[in-house]
PDB file of N, CA and C in Angstrom:
ATOM      1  N   MET A   1       1.038  -1.359  -0.020  1.00  0.00           N
ATOM      2  CA  MET A   1       0.011   0.068   0.011  1.00  0.00           C
ATOM      3  C   MET A   1       0.802   1.464   0.182  1.00  0.00           C
ATOM      4  N   LYS A   2       2.800   1.384   1.295  1.00  0.00           N
ATOM      5  CA  LYS A   2       2.780   2.227   0.831  1.00  0.00           C
ATOM      6  C   LYS A   2       3.166   2.477  -0.627  1.00  0.00           C
ATOM      7  N   ILE A   3       3.676   1.601  -1.215  1.00  0.00           N
ATOM      8  CA  ILE A   3       4.345   1.636  -2.504  1.00  0.00           C
ATOM      9  C   ILE A   3       3.671   2.107  -3.574  1.00  0.00           C
ATOM     10  N   THR A   4       2.269   2.039  -3.447  1.00  0.00           N
ATOM     11  CA  THR A   4       1.345   2.542  -4.428  1.00  0.00           C
ATOM     12  C   THR A   4       1.036   3.964  -3.898  1.00  0.00           C
ATOM     13  N   LYS A   5       1.076   4.050  -2.825  1.00  0.00           N
ATOM     14  CA  LYS A   5       0.781   5.734  -2.427  1.00  0.00           C
ATOM     15  C   LYS A   5       1.976   6.655  -3.121  1.00  0.00           C
ATOM     16  N   ILE A   6       3.009   5.646  -2.345  1.00  0.00           N
ATOM     17  CA  ILE A   6       4.247   6.839  -3.327  1.00  0.00           C
ATOM     18  C   ILE A   6       4.123   7.091  -5.123  1.00  0.00           C
ATOM     19  N   LEU A   7       4.039   6.127  -5.439  1.00  0.00           N
ATOM     20  CA  LEU A   7       3.654   5.470  -6.820  1.00  0.00           C
ATOM     21  C   LEU A   7       2.858   6.791  -7.634  1.00  0.00           C
ATOM     22  N   PHE A   8       1.385   7.074  -7.066  1.00  0.00           N
ATOM     23  CA  PHE A   8       0.957   7.958  -7.641  1.00  0.00           C
ATOM     24  C   PHE A   8       1.294   9.172  -6.909  1.00  0.00           C
ATOM     25  N   THR A   9       1.631   9.116  -5.915  1.00  0.00           N
ATOM     26  CA  THR A   9       2.153  11.115  -5.799  1.00  0.00           C
ATOM     27  C   THR A   9       3.326  11.168  -6.629  1.00  0.00           C
ATOM     28  N   THR A  10       4.241  10.498  -6.652  1.00  0.00           N
ATOM     29  CA  THR A  10       5.533  10.601  -7.922  1.00  0.00           C
ATOM     30  C   THR A  10       4.583  10.985  -8.936  1.00  0.00           C
ATOM     31  N   LEU A  11       3.900   9.963  -9.696  1.00  0.00           N
ATOM     32  CA  LEU A  11       2.727  10.149 -10.917  1.00  0.00           C
ATOM     33  C   LEU A  11       2.102  11.883 -10.970  1.00  0.00           C
ATOM     34  N   ALA A  12       1.303  11.837 -10.022  1.00  0.00           N
ATOM     35  CA  ALA A  12       1.030  13.134  -9.702  1.00  0.00           C
ATOM     36  C   ALA A  12       1.869  14.226  -9.979  1.00  0.00           C
ATOM     37  N   MET A  13       3.266  14.167  -9.729  1.00  0.00           N
ATOM     38  CA  MET A  13       3.910  15.532  -9.341  1.00  0.00           C
ATOM     39  C   MET A  13       4.606  15.247 -10.697  1.00  0.00           C
ATOM     40  N   VAL A  14       4.954  14.440 -11.699  1.00  0.00           N
ATOM     41  CA  VAL A  14       5.024  14.670 -12.977  1.00  0.00           C
ATOM     42  C   VAL A  14       4.232  15.203 -13.590  1.00  0.00           C
ATOM     43  N   LEU A  15       3.136  14.598 -13.642  1.00  0.00           N
ATOM     44  CA  LEU A  15       1.881  15.367 -14.301  1.00  0.00           C
ATOM     45  C   LEU A  15       1.661  16.727 -14.827  1.00  0.00           C
ATOM     46  N   VAL A  16       1.616  17.413 -12.803  1.00  0.00           N
ATOM     47  CA  VAL A  16       1.784  18.706 -13.170  1.00  0.00           C
ATOM     48  C   VAL A  16       2.983  19.598 -13.274  1.00  0.00           C
ATOM     49  N   ALA A  17       4.530  18.506 -13.676  1.00  0.00           N
ATOM     50  CA  ALA A  17       5.449  19.390 -13.727  1.00  0.00           C
ATOM     51  C   ALA A  17       5.471  20.326 -14.974  1.00  0.00           C
ATOM     52  N   SER A  18       4.614  20.261 -15.508  1.00  0.00           N
ATOM     53  CA  SER A  18       4.707  21.215 -17.055  1.00  0.00           C
ATOM     54  C   SER A  18       4.788  23.138 -16.445  1.00  0.00           C
ATOM     55  N   THR A  19       3.425  22.639 -15.570  1.00  0.00           N
ATOM     56  CA  THR A  19       3.149  24.161 -15.452  1.00  0.00           C
ATOM     57  C   THR A  19       4.425  24.537 -14.333  1.00  0.00           C
ATOM     58  N   ALA A  20       4.234  23.607 -13.041  1.00  0.00           N
ATOM     59  CA  ALA A  20       5.959  24.090 -12.254  1.00  0.00           C
ATOM     60  C   ALA A  20       6.754  24.661 -12.777  1.00  0.00           C
ATOM     61  N   PHE A  21       7.203  24.099 -14.148  1.00  0.00           N
ATOM     62  CA  PHE A  21       8.481  24.258 -14.697  1.00  0.00           C
ATOM     63  C   PHE A  21       8.407  25.587 -15.579  1.00  0.00           C
ATOM     64  N   ALA A  22       7.109  26.379 -15.781  1.00  0.00           N
ATOM     65  CA  ALA A  22       6.174  27.525 -16.435  1.00  0.00           C
ATOM     66  C   ALA A  22       7.297  28.736 -15.573  1.00  0.00           C
ATOM     67  N   ALA A  23       7.753  28.349 -14.249  1.00  0.00           N
ATOM     68  CA  ALA A  23       7.911  29.681 -13.198  1.00  0.00           C
ATOM     69  C   ALA A  23       9.215  30.084 -13.957  1.00  0.00           C
ATOM     70  N   GLY A  24      10.211  28.769 -13.383  1.00  0.00           N
ATOM     71  CA  GLY A  24      11.889  29.741 -13.766  1.00  0.00           C
ATOM     72  C   GLY A  24      12.045  29.817 -12.820  1.00  0.00           C
ATOM     73  N   ASP A  25      12.043  29.880 -10.828  1.00  0.00           N
ATOM     74  CA  ASP A  25      13.255  29.887 -10.376  1.00  0.00           C
ATOM     75  C   ASP A  25      13.992  28.942 -10.405  1.00  0.00           C
ATOM     76  N   ALA A  26      14.377  28.793  -8.924  1.00  0.00           N
ATOM     77  CA  ALA A  26      16.096  27.967  -8.490  1.00  0.00           C
ATOM     78  C   ALA A  26      14.979  26.542  -8.368  1.00  0.00           C
ATOM     79  N   GLY A  27      13.818  26.855  -7.130  1.00  0.00           N
ATOM     80  CA  GLY A  27      12.950  25.629  -6.846  1.00  0.00           C
ATOM     81  C   GLY A  27      12.642  24.852  -7.499  1.00  0.00           C
ATOM     82  N   VAL A  28      11.613  25.538  -8.628  1.00  0.00           N
ATOM     83  CA  VAL A  28      11.549  24.798 -10.066  1.00  0.00           C
ATOM     84  C   VAL A  28      13.101  24.088 -10.570  1.00  0.00           C
ATOM     85  N   MET A  29      14.243  24.724 -10.280  1.00  0.00           N
ATOM     86  CA  MET A  29      15.015  24.044 -11.427  1.00  0.00           C
ATOM     87  C   MET A  29      15.714  23.050 -10.426  1.00  0.00           C
ATOM     88  N   SER A  30      15.077  22.844  -8.431  1.00  0.00           N
ATOM     89  CA  SER A  30      16.059  21.742  -8.111  1.00  0.00           C
ATOM     90  C   SER A  30      14.696  20.215  -8.209  1.00  0.00           C
ATOM     91  N   ALA A  31      13.292  20.739  -8.584  1.00  0.00           N
ATOM     92  CA  ALA A  31      12.242  19.751  -8.928  1.00  0.00           C
ATOM     93  C   ALA A  31      12.147  18.988 -10.224  1.00  0.00           C
ATOM     94  N   LYS A  32      13.043  19.973 -11.089  1.00  0.00           N
ATOM     95  CA  LYS A  32      13.513  19.453 -12.158  1.00  0.00           C
ATOM     96  C   LYS A  32      14.211  18.441 -12.304  1.00  0.00           C
ATOM     97  N   ALA A  33      15.855  18.918 -11.036  1.00  0.00           N
ATOM     98  CA  ALA A  33      16.995  17.703 -11.339  1.00  0.00           C
ATOM     99  C   ALA A  33      16.184  16.684 -10.879  1.00  0.00           C
ATOM    100  N   TYR A  34      15.395  16.828  -9.786  1.00  0.00           N
ATOM    101  CA  TYR A  34      15.252  15.392  -8.935  1.00  0.00           C
ATOM    102  C   TYR A  34      14.551  14.791 -10.098  1.00  0.00           C
ATOM    103  N   ALA A  35      12.933  15.337 -10.638  1.00  0.00           N
ATOM    104  CA  ALA A  35      12.385  14.503 -11.531  1.00  0.00           C
ATOM    105  C   ALA A  35      13.746  13.627 -12.774  1.00  0.00           C
ATOM    106  N   THR A  36      14.333  14.701 -13.172  1.00  0.00           N
ATOM    107  CA  THR A  36      15.281  14.358 -14.388  1.00  0.00           C
ATOM    108  C   THR A  36      15.675  12.481 -14.087  1.00  0.00           C
ATOM    109  N   ALA A  37      16.591  12.939 -12.479  1.00  0.00           N
ATOM    110  CA  ALA A  37      17.419  11.991 -11.652  1.00  0.00           C
ATOM    111  C   ALA A  37      15.756  10.655 -11.439  1.00  0.00           C
ATOM    112  N   LEU A  38      15.500  10.281 -10.861  1.00  0.00           N
ATOM    113  CA  LEU A  38      14.459   9.953 -10.661  1.00  0.00           C
ATOM    114  C   LEU A  38      13.890   9.369 -12.396  1.00  0.00           C
ATOM    115  N   GLY A  39      13.702   9.466 -12.847  1.00  0.00           N
ATOM    116  CA  GLY A  39      12.635   9.145 -14.241  1.00  0.00           C
ATOM    117  C   GLY A  39      14.364   7.852 -14.636  1.00  0.00           C
ATOM    118  N   MET A  40      15.587   9.055 -14.760  1.00  0.00           N
ATOM    119  CA  MET A  40      16.674   8.093 -15.931  1.00  0.00           C
ATOM    120  C   MET A  40      17.118   6.997 -14.470  1.00  0.00           C
ATOM    121  N   GLY A  41      17.132   7.189 -12.901  1.00  0.00           N
ATOM    122  CA  GLY A  41      16.919   5.921 -12.269  1.00  0.00           C
ATOM    123  C   GLY A  41      16.057   4.690 -12.478  1.00  0.00           C
ATOM    124  N   ILE A  42      14.592   4.737 -12.537  1.00  0.00           N
ATOM    125  CA  ILE A  42      13.583   4.421 -13.168  1.00  0.00           C
ATOM    126  C   ILE A  42      13.896   3.568 -14.449  1.00  0.00           C
ATOM    127  N   ALA A  43      14.445   4.396 -15.252  1.00  0.00           N
ATOM    128  CA  ALA A  43      14.738   3.499 -16.736  1.00  0.00           C
ATOM    129  C   ALA A  43      16.427   2.579 -16.409  1.00  0.00           C
ATOM    130  N   ALA A  44      17.168   3.099 -15.884  1.00  0.00           N
ATOM    131  CA  ALA A  44      18.117   2.679 -15.577  1.00  0.00           C
ATOM    132  C   ALA A  44      17.557   0.984 -15.042  1.00  0.00           C
ATOM    133  N   GLY A  45      17.355   1.422 -14.296  1.00  0.00           N
ATOM    134  CA  GLY A  45      16.959  -0.048 -13.161  1.00  0.00           C
ATOM    135  C   GLY A  45      16.636  -1.337 -13.831  1.00  0.00           C
ATOM    136  N   LEU A  46      15.066  -0.613 -14.677  1.00  0.00           N
ATOM    137  CA  LEU A  46      13.845  -1.871 -15.467  1.00  0.00           C
ATOM    138  C   LEU A  46      15.153  -1.956 -16.577  1.00  0.00           C
ATOM    139  N   CYS A  47      15.912  -1.211 -17.466  1.00  0.00           N
ATOM    140  CA  CYS A  47      16.709  -1.981 -18.130  1.00  0.00           C
ATOM    141  C   CYS A  47      17.598  -3.143 -17.851  1.00  0.00           C
ATOM    142  N   GLY A  48      18.001  -2.482 -16.298  1.00  0.00           N
ATOM    143  CA  GLY A  48      18.748  -3.236 -15.710  1.00  0.00           C
ATOM    144  C   GLY A  48      18.806  -5.168 -15.348  1.00  0.00           C
ATOM    145  N   ILE A  49      17.057  -4.649 -14.880  1.00  0.00           N
ATOM    146  CA  ILE A  49      16.334  -6.333 -14.888  1.00  0.00           C
ATOM    147  C   ILE A  49      16.090  -6.694 -16.432  1.00  0.00           C
ATOM    148  N   ALA A  50      15.830  -6.289 -17.117  1.00  0.00           N
ATOM    149  CA  ALA A  50      15.110  -6.740 -18.449  1.00  0.00           C
ATOM    150  C   ALA A  50      16.842  -7.445 -18.859  1.00  0.00           C
ATOM    151  N   GLN A  51      17.794  -6.696 -18.758  1.00  0.00           N
ATOM    152  CA  GLN A  51      19.503  -7.725 -18.775  1.00  0.00           C
ATOM    153  C   GLN A  51      19.470  -8.643 -18.522  1.00  0.00           C
ATOM    154  N   GLY A  52      19.346  -8.640 -16.883  1.00  0.00           N
ATOM    155  CA  GLY A  52      19.330  -9.725 -15.873  1.00  0.00           C
ATOM    156  C   GLY A  52      18.343 -10.761 -16.822  1.00  0.00           C
ATOM    157  N   MET A  53      17.829 -10.804 -16.750  1.00  0.00           N
ATOM    158  CA  MET A  53      16.293 -12.022 -17.370  1.00  0.00           C
ATOM    159  C   MET A  53      17.016 -12.244 -18.600  1.00  0.00           C
ATOM    160  N   GLY A  54      17.194 -11.286 -19.447  1.00  0.00           N
ATOM    161  CA  GLY A  54      17.791 -11.913 -20.587  1.00  0.00           C
ATOM    162  C   GLY A  54      19.361 -13.144 -20.348  1.00  0.00           C
ATOM    163  N   VAL A  55      20.064 -12.395 -19.773  1.00  0.00           N
ATOM    164  CA  VAL A  55      21.408 -13.519 -19.476  1.00  0.00           C
ATOM    165  C   VAL A  55      20.940 -14.764 -18.922  1.00  0.00           C
ATOM    166  N   LYS A  56      19.817 -14.472 -18.054  1.00  0.00           N
ATOM    167  CA  LYS A  56      19.624 -15.497 -17.229  1.00  0.00           C
ATOM    168  C   LYS A  56      18.914 -16.533 -18.460  1.00  0.00           C
ATOM    169  N   GLY A  57      17.628 -16.091 -19.228  1.00  0.00           N
ATOM    170  CA  GLY A  57      17.826 -17.108 -20.350  1.00  0.00           C
ATOM    171  C   GLY A  57      18.321 -17.386 -21.417  1.00  0.00           C
ATOM    172  N   ALA A  58      19.438 -16.850 -21.754  1.00  0.00           N
ATOM    173  CA  ALA A  58      20.754 -17.165 -22.376  1.00  0.00           C
ATOM    174  C   ALA A  58      21.556 -18.271 -21.667  1.00  0.00           C
ATOM    175  N   CYS A  59      21.875 -18.322 -20.795  1.00  0.00           N
ATOM    176  CA  CYS A  59      22.288 -19.213 -19.759  1.00  0.00           C
ATOM    177  C   CYS A  59      21.760 -20.685 -19.944  1.00  0.00           C
ATOM    178  N   GLU A  60      20.812 -20.625 -19.432  1.00  0.00           N
ATOM    179  CA  GLU A  60      19.767 -21.212 -19.002  1.00  0.00           C
ATOM    180  C   GLU A  60      19.067 -22.316 -20.751  1.00  0.00           C
ATOM    181  N   GLY A  61      19.572 -21.951 -22.073  1.00  0.00           N
ATOM    182  CA  GLY A  61      19.026 -22.488 -22.988  1.00  0.00           C
ATOM    183  C   GLY A  61      20.107 -22.835 -23.863  1.00  0.00           C
ATOM    184  N   ILE A  62      21.836 -22.052 -23.391  1.00  0.00           N
ATOM    185  CA  ILE A  62      22.629 -22.875 -23.667  1.00  0.00           C
ATOM    186  C   ILE A  62      23.182 -24.132 -22.633  1.00  0.00           C
ATOM    187  N   ALA A  63      22.562 -23.942 -21.395  1.00  0.00           N
ATOM    188  CA  ALA A  63      22.683 -25.220 -20.458  1.00  0.00           C
ATOM    189  C   ALA A  63      21.992 -26.410 -21.342  1.00  0.00           C
ATOM    190  N   ARG A  64      20.854 -26.161 -21.540  1.00  0.00           N
ATOM    191  CA  ARG A  64      20.029 -27.155 -22.369  1.00  0.00           C
ATOM    192  C   ARG A  64      19.965 -27.383 -23.399  1.00  0.00           C
ATOM    193  N   ASN A  65      20.735 -26.556 -24.379  1.00  0.00           N
ATOM    194  CA  ASN A  65      21.189 -26.971 -25.807  1.00  0.00           C
ATOM    195  C   ASN A  65      22.794 -26.688 -26.141  1.00  0.00           C
ATOM    196  N   PRO A  66      23.618 -27.299 -25.389  1.00  0.00           N
ATOM    197  CA  PRO A  66      24.980 -26.459 -26.018  1.00  0.00           C
ATOM    198  C   PRO A  66      25.393 -26.628 -27.756  1.00  0.00           C
ATOM    199  N   GLU A  67      24.211 -26.866 -28.332  1.00  0.00           N
ATOM    200  CA  GLU A  67      24.761 -27.148 -29.598  1.00  0.00           C
ATOM    201  C   GLU A  67      24.332 -25.137 -30.124  1.00  0.00           C
ATOM    202  N   ALA A  68      23.855 -25.076 -29.582  1.00  0.00           N
ATOM    203  CA  ALA A  68      22.778 -24.079 -30.520  1.00  0.00           C
ATOM    204  C   ALA A  68      23.634 -22.875 -29.693  1.00  0.00           C
ATOM    205  N   ALA A  69      25.097 -22.734 -29.072  1.00  0.00           N
ATOM    206  CA  ALA A  69      25.262 -21.997 -28.085  1.00  0.00           C
ATOM    207  C   ALA A  69      25.628 -20.469 -29.308  1.00  0.00           C
ATOM    208  N   GLY A  70      26.008 -20.516 -30.238  1.00  0.00           N
ATOM    209  CA  GLY A  70      26.637 -19.600 -31.042  1.00  0.00           C
ATOM    210  C   GLY A  70      25.082 -18.909 -31.541  1.00  0.00           C
ATOM    211  N   GLN A  71      24.060 -19.181 -31.972  1.00  0.00           N
ATOM    212  CA  GLN A  71      22.754 -18.479 -32.245  1.00  0.00           C
ATOM    213  C   GLN A  71      22.287 -18.073 -30.970  1.00  0.00           C
ATOM    214  N   LEU A  72      22.214 -18.554 -29.877  1.00  0.00           N
ATOM    215  CA  LEU A  72      21.362 -18.002 -29.072  1.00  0.00           C
ATOM    216  C   LEU A  72      22.785 -16.612 -28.720  1.00  0.00           C
ATOM    217  N   SER A  73      24.076 -16.556 -28.184  1.00  0.00           N
ATOM    218  CA  SER A  73      24.756 -15.753 -28.288  1.00  0.00           C
ATOM    219  C   SER A  73      24.384 -14.824 -29.114  1.00  0.00           C
ATOM    220  N   THR A  74      24.737 -14.888 -30.484  1.00  0.00           N
ATOM    221  CA  THR A  74      23.957 -13.449 -31.217  1.00  0.00           C
ATOM    222  C   THR A  74      22.467 -13.462 -30.777  1.00  0.00           C
ATOM    223  N   THR A  75      21.652 -13.821 -30.657  1.00  0.00           N
ATOM    224  CA  THR A  75      20.204 -13.141 -30.361  1.00  0.00           C
ATOM    225  C   THR A  75      20.648 -12.382 -29.038  1.00  0.00           C
ATOM    226  N   LEU A  76      21.688 -13.234 -28.078  1.00  0.00           N
ATOM    227  CA  LEU A  76      21.423 -12.510 -26.967  1.00  0.00           C
ATOM    228  C   LEU A  76      22.470 -11.204 -27.258  1.00  0.00           C
ATOM    229  N   ILE A  77      23.351 -10.683 -27.405  1.00  0.00           N
ATOM    230  CA  ILE A  77      23.999  -9.445 -27.728  1.00  0.00           C
ATOM    231  C   ILE A  77      22.770  -8.509 -28.857  1.00  0.00           C
ATOM    232  N   LEU A  78      22.646  -9.079 -29.794  1.00  0.00           N
ATOM    233  CA  LEU A  78      21.735  -7.974 -30.379  1.00  0.00           C
ATOM    234  C   LEU A  78      19.980  -7.806 -29.322  1.00  0.00           C
ATOM    235  N   GLY A  79      20.169  -8.810 -28.649  1.00  0.00           N
ATOM    236  CA  GLY A  79      19.233  -8.187 -27.328  1.00  0.00           C
ATOM    237  C   GLY A  79      19.387  -6.998 -26.727  1.00  0.00           C
ATOM    238  N   LEU A  80      20.730  -7.332 -25.704  1.00  0.00           N
ATOM    239  CA  LEU A  80      20.831  -6.846 -24.918  1.00  0.00           C
ATOM    240  C   LEU A  80      21.168  -5.580 -25.875  1.00  0.00           C
ATOM    241  N   ALA A  81      22.036  -5.252 -26.485  1.00  0.00           N
ATOM    242  CA  ALA A  81      21.983  -3.914 -27.303  1.00  0.00           C
ATOM    243  C   ALA A  81      20.517  -3.453 -27.929  1.00  0.00           C
ATOM    244  N   PHE A  82      19.641  -3.771 -27.750  1.00  0.00           N
ATOM    245  CA  PHE A  82      18.343  -2.972 -28.169  1.00  0.00           C
ATOM    246  C   PHE A  82      18.154  -2.994 -26.550  1.00  0.00           C
ATOM    247  N   ILE A  83      18.075  -3.476 -25.490  1.00  0.00           N
ATOM    248  CA  ILE A  83      17.771  -3.168 -24.267  1.00  0.00           C
ATOM    249  C   ILE A  83      18.279  -1.980 -23.316  1.00  0.00           C
ATOM    250  N   GLU A  84      19.285  -1.640 -24.257  1.00  0.00           N
ATOM    251  CA  GLU A  84      20.694  -0.715 -23.213  1.00  0.00           C
ATOM    252  C   GLU A  84      20.255   0.649 -24.175  1.00  0.00           C
ATOM    253  N   SER A  85      20.032   0.468 -25.408  1.00  0.00           N
ATOM    254  CA  SER A  85      19.561   1.551 -26.228  1.00  0.00           C
ATOM    255  C   SER A  85      18.123   2.325 -26.011  1.00  0.00           C
ATOM    256  N   LEU A  86      17.173   1.084 -25.332  1.00  0.00           N
ATOM    257  CA  LEU A  86      16.462   1.955 -24.265  1.00  0.00           C
ATOM    258  C   LEU A  86      16.820   2.697 -23.444  1.00  0.00           C
ATOM    259  N   ALA A  87      17.324   2.325 -22.713  1.00  0.00           N
ATOM    260  CA  ALA A  87      18.187   3.508 -21.703  1.00  0.00           C
ATOM    261  C   ALA A  87      18.868   4.386 -21.666  1.00  0.00           C
ATOM    262  N   ILE A  88      19.991   4.421 -23.043  1.00  0.00           N
ATOM    263  CA  ILE A  88      20.087   5.825 -23.716  1.00  0.00           C
ATOM    264  C   ILE A  88      19.098   6.737 -24.315  1.00  0.00           C
ATOM    265  N   TYR A  89      17.969   6.486 -24.974  1.00  0.00           N
ATOM    266  CA  TYR A  89      16.901   6.913 -25.169  1.00  0.00           C
ATOM    267  C   TYR A  89      16.273   8.253 -23.709  1.00  0.00           C
ATOM    268  N   ALA A  90      16.034   7.139 -22.968  1.00  0.00           N
ATOM    269  CA  ALA A  90      15.412   7.730 -21.382  1.00  0.00           C
ATOM    270  C   ALA A  90      16.807   8.828 -21.102  1.00  0.00           C
ATOM    271  N   LEU A  91      18.299   8.400 -20.847  1.00  0.00           N
ATOM    272  CA  LEU A  91      18.845   9.171 -20.960  1.00  0.00           C
ATOM    273  C   LEU A  91      19.382  11.232 -21.788  1.00  0.00           C
ATOM    274  N   VAL A  92      18.895  10.534 -23.544  1.00  0.00           N
ATOM    275  CA  VAL A  92      18.406  11.613 -23.896  1.00  0.00           C
ATOM    276  C   VAL A  92      16.929  12.597 -23.303  1.00  0.00           C
ATOM    277  N   VAL A  93      16.071  11.694 -23.386  1.00  0.00           N
ATOM    278  CA  VAL A  93      14.419  12.223 -23.040  1.00  0.00           C
ATOM    279  C   VAL A  93      15.279  12.984 -21.864  1.00  0.00           C
ATOM    280  N   ASN A  94      15.323  12.443 -20.591  1.00  0.00           N
ATOM    281  CA  ASN A  94      15.608  13.592 -19.727  1.00  0.00           C
ATOM    282  C   ASN A  94      16.336  14.522 -19.628  1.00  0.00           C
ATOM    283  N   LEU A  95      17.692  14.462 -20.359  1.00  0.00           N
ATOM    284  CA  LEU A  95      18.529  15.415 -20.761  1.00  0.00           C
ATOM    285  C   LEU A  95      17.896  16.593 -21.749  1.00  0.00           C
ATOM    286  N   ILE A  96      16.917  16.367 -22.346  1.00  0.00           N
ATOM    287  CA  ILE A  96      16.140  17.261 -22.762  1.00  0.00           C
ATOM    288  C   ILE A  96      14.858  18.173 -22.234  1.00  0.00           C
ATOM    289  N   LEU A  97      14.434  17.360 -21.183  1.00  0.00           N
ATOM    290  CA  LEU A  97      13.631  17.143 -19.883  1.00  0.00           C
ATOM    291  C   LEU A  97      14.517  18.784 -19.231  1.00  0.00           C
ATOM    292  N   LEU A  98      15.309  18.650 -18.737  1.00  0.00           N
ATOM    293  CA  LEU A  98      16.670  19.216 -17.937  1.00  0.00           C
ATOM    294  C   LEU A  98      16.870  20.930 -18.722  1.00  0.00           C
ATOM    295  N   PHE A  99      17.578  20.886 -19.540  1.00  0.00           N
ATOM    296  CA  PHE A  99      18.358  21.256 -20.625  1.00  0.00           C
ATOM    297  C   PHE A  99      16.794  22.286 -21.302  1.00  0.00           C
ATOM    298  N   VAL A 100      15.883  21.866 -21.940  1.00  0.00           N
ATOM    299  CA  VAL A 100      14.956  22.454 -22.512  1.00  0.00           C
ATOM    300  C   VAL A 100      14.050  23.277 -22.401  1.00  0.00           C
ATOM    301  N   VAL A 101      13.031  21.921 -21.786  1.00  0.00           N
ATOM    302  CA  VAL A 101      11.872  22.497 -21.404  1.00  0.00           C
ATOM    303  C   VAL A 101      12.086  23.159 -19.781  1.00  0.00           C
TER     304      VAL A 101
END
Protein backbone atom coordinates (compact mmCIF):
# COMPACT_ATOMS: atom_id res chain seq x y z
CA MET A 1 0.00 0.00 0.00
CA LYS A 2 2.82 2.38 0.86
CA ILE A 3 4.56 1.70 -2.46
CA THR A 4 1.33 2.41 -4.35
CA LYS A 5 0.91 5.70 -2.50
CA ILE A 6 4.48 6.72 -3.34
CA LEU A 7 4.00 5.69 -6.97
CA PHE A 8 0.81 7.71 -7.39
CA THR A 9 2.32 10.72 -5.63
CA THR A 10 5.32 10.61 -7.94
CA LEU A 11 3.07 10.22 -10.96
CA ALA A 12 1.00 13.22 -9.88
CA MET A 13 4.14 15.33 -9.48
CA VAL A 14 5.34 14.35 -12.94
CA LEU A 15 1.97 15.13 -14.54
CA VAL A 16 1.76 18.64 -13.09
CA ALA A 17 5.44 19.35 -13.65
CA SER A 18 4.96 21.32 -16.87
CA THR A 19 3.00 24.08 -15.16
CA ALA A 20 5.49 24.22 -12.33
CA PHE A 21 8.45 24.46 -14.71
CA ALA A 22 7.00 27.58 -16.32
CA ALA A 23 7.85 29.63 -13.22
CA GLY A 24 11.63 29.48 -13.78
CA ASP A 25 12.89 29.96 -10.22
CA ALA A 26 15.57 27.97 -8.39
CA GLY A 27 13.07 25.70 -6.69
CA VAL A 28 11.69 24.64 -10.04
CA MET A 29 15.15 23.84 -11.36
CA SER A 30 15.76 21.74 -8.27
CA ALA A 31 12.50 19.85 -8.79
CA LYS A 32 13.37 19.37 -12.45
CA ALA A 33 16.73 17.89 -11.50
CA TYR A 34 15.09 15.51 -9.02
CA ALA A 35 12.47 14.45 -11.57
CA THR A 36 15.01 13.71 -14.28
CA ALA A 37 17.21 11.83 -11.82
CA LEU A 38 14.24 9.76 -10.72
CA GLY A 39 13.25 9.08 -14.33
CA MET A 40 16.75 7.98 -15.29
CA GLY A 41 17.02 5.86 -12.16
CA ILE A 42 13.80 4.05 -12.95
CA ALA A 43 14.80 3.54 -16.60
CA ALA A 44 18.27 2.27 -15.72
CA GLY A 45 16.92 -0.05 -13.04
CA LEU A 46 14.32 -1.59 -15.32
CA CYS A 47 16.83 -1.96 -18.15
CA GLY A 48 19.20 -3.69 -15.73
CA ILE A 49 16.46 -6.09 -14.67
CA ALA A 50 15.63 -6.81 -18.32
CA GLN A 51 19.27 -7.45 -19.18
CA GLY A 52 19.62 -9.80 -16.22
CA MET A 53 16.55 -11.73 -17.32
CA GLY A 54 17.90 -11.95 -20.87
CA VAL A 55 21.27 -13.26 -19.73
CA LYS A 56 19.53 -15.75 -17.42
CA GLY A 57 17.42 -17.05 -20.29
CA ALA A 58 20.42 -17.35 -22.58
CA CYS A 59 22.43 -19.22 -19.96
CA GLU A 60 19.55 -21.62 -19.36
CA GLY A 61 19.15 -22.15 -23.10
CA ILE A 62 22.86 -22.86 -23.58
CA ALA A 63 22.81 -25.25 -20.61
CA ARG A 64 19.90 -27.18 -22.12
CA ASN A 65 21.22 -27.21 -25.68
CA PRO A 66 24.97 -26.52 -25.98
CA GLU A 67 24.90 -26.90 -29.76
CA ALA A 68 22.79 -23.75 -30.07
CA ALA A 69 25.25 -21.60 -28.12
CA GLY A 70 26.39 -19.62 -31.17
CA GLN A 71 22.89 -18.65 -32.27
CA LEU A 72 21.81 -17.90 -28.70
CA SER A 73 24.87 -15.71 -28.11
CA THR A 74 24.15 -13.70 -31.25
CA THR A 75 20.52 -13.22 -30.28
CA LEU A 76 21.52 -12.34 -26.72
CA ILE A 77 23.97 -9.65 -27.80
CA LEU A 78 21.40 -8.18 -30.19
CA GLY A 79 18.73 -8.17 -27.47
CA LEU A 80 21.09 -6.57 -24.94
CA ALA A 81 21.91 -3.85 -27.46
CA PHE A 82 18.20 -3.11 -27.92
CA ILE A 83 17.65 -2.97 -24.17
CA GLU A 84 20.64 -0.68 -23.72
CA SER A 85 19.30 1.59 -26.45
CA LEU A 86 16.15 2.06 -24.35
CA ALA A 87 18.32 3.33 -21.48
CA ILE A 88 20.08 5.72 -23.87
CA TYR A 89 16.72 7.00 -25.16
CA ALA A 90 15.63 7.59 -21.57
CA LEU A 91 18.85 9.52 -20.96
CA VAL A 92 18.25 11.70 -24.02
CA VAL A 93 14.66 12.42 -22.98
CA ASN A 94 15.75 13.29 -19.46
CA LEU A 95 18.48 15.61 -20.73
CA ILE A 96 15.94 17.34 -22.98
CA LEU A 97 13.59 17.76 -20.03
CA LEU A 98 16.41 19.06 -17.86
CA PHE A 99 17.94 21.60 -20.23
CA VAL A 100 15.31 22.49 -22.85
CA VAL A 101 11.89 22.40 -21.22
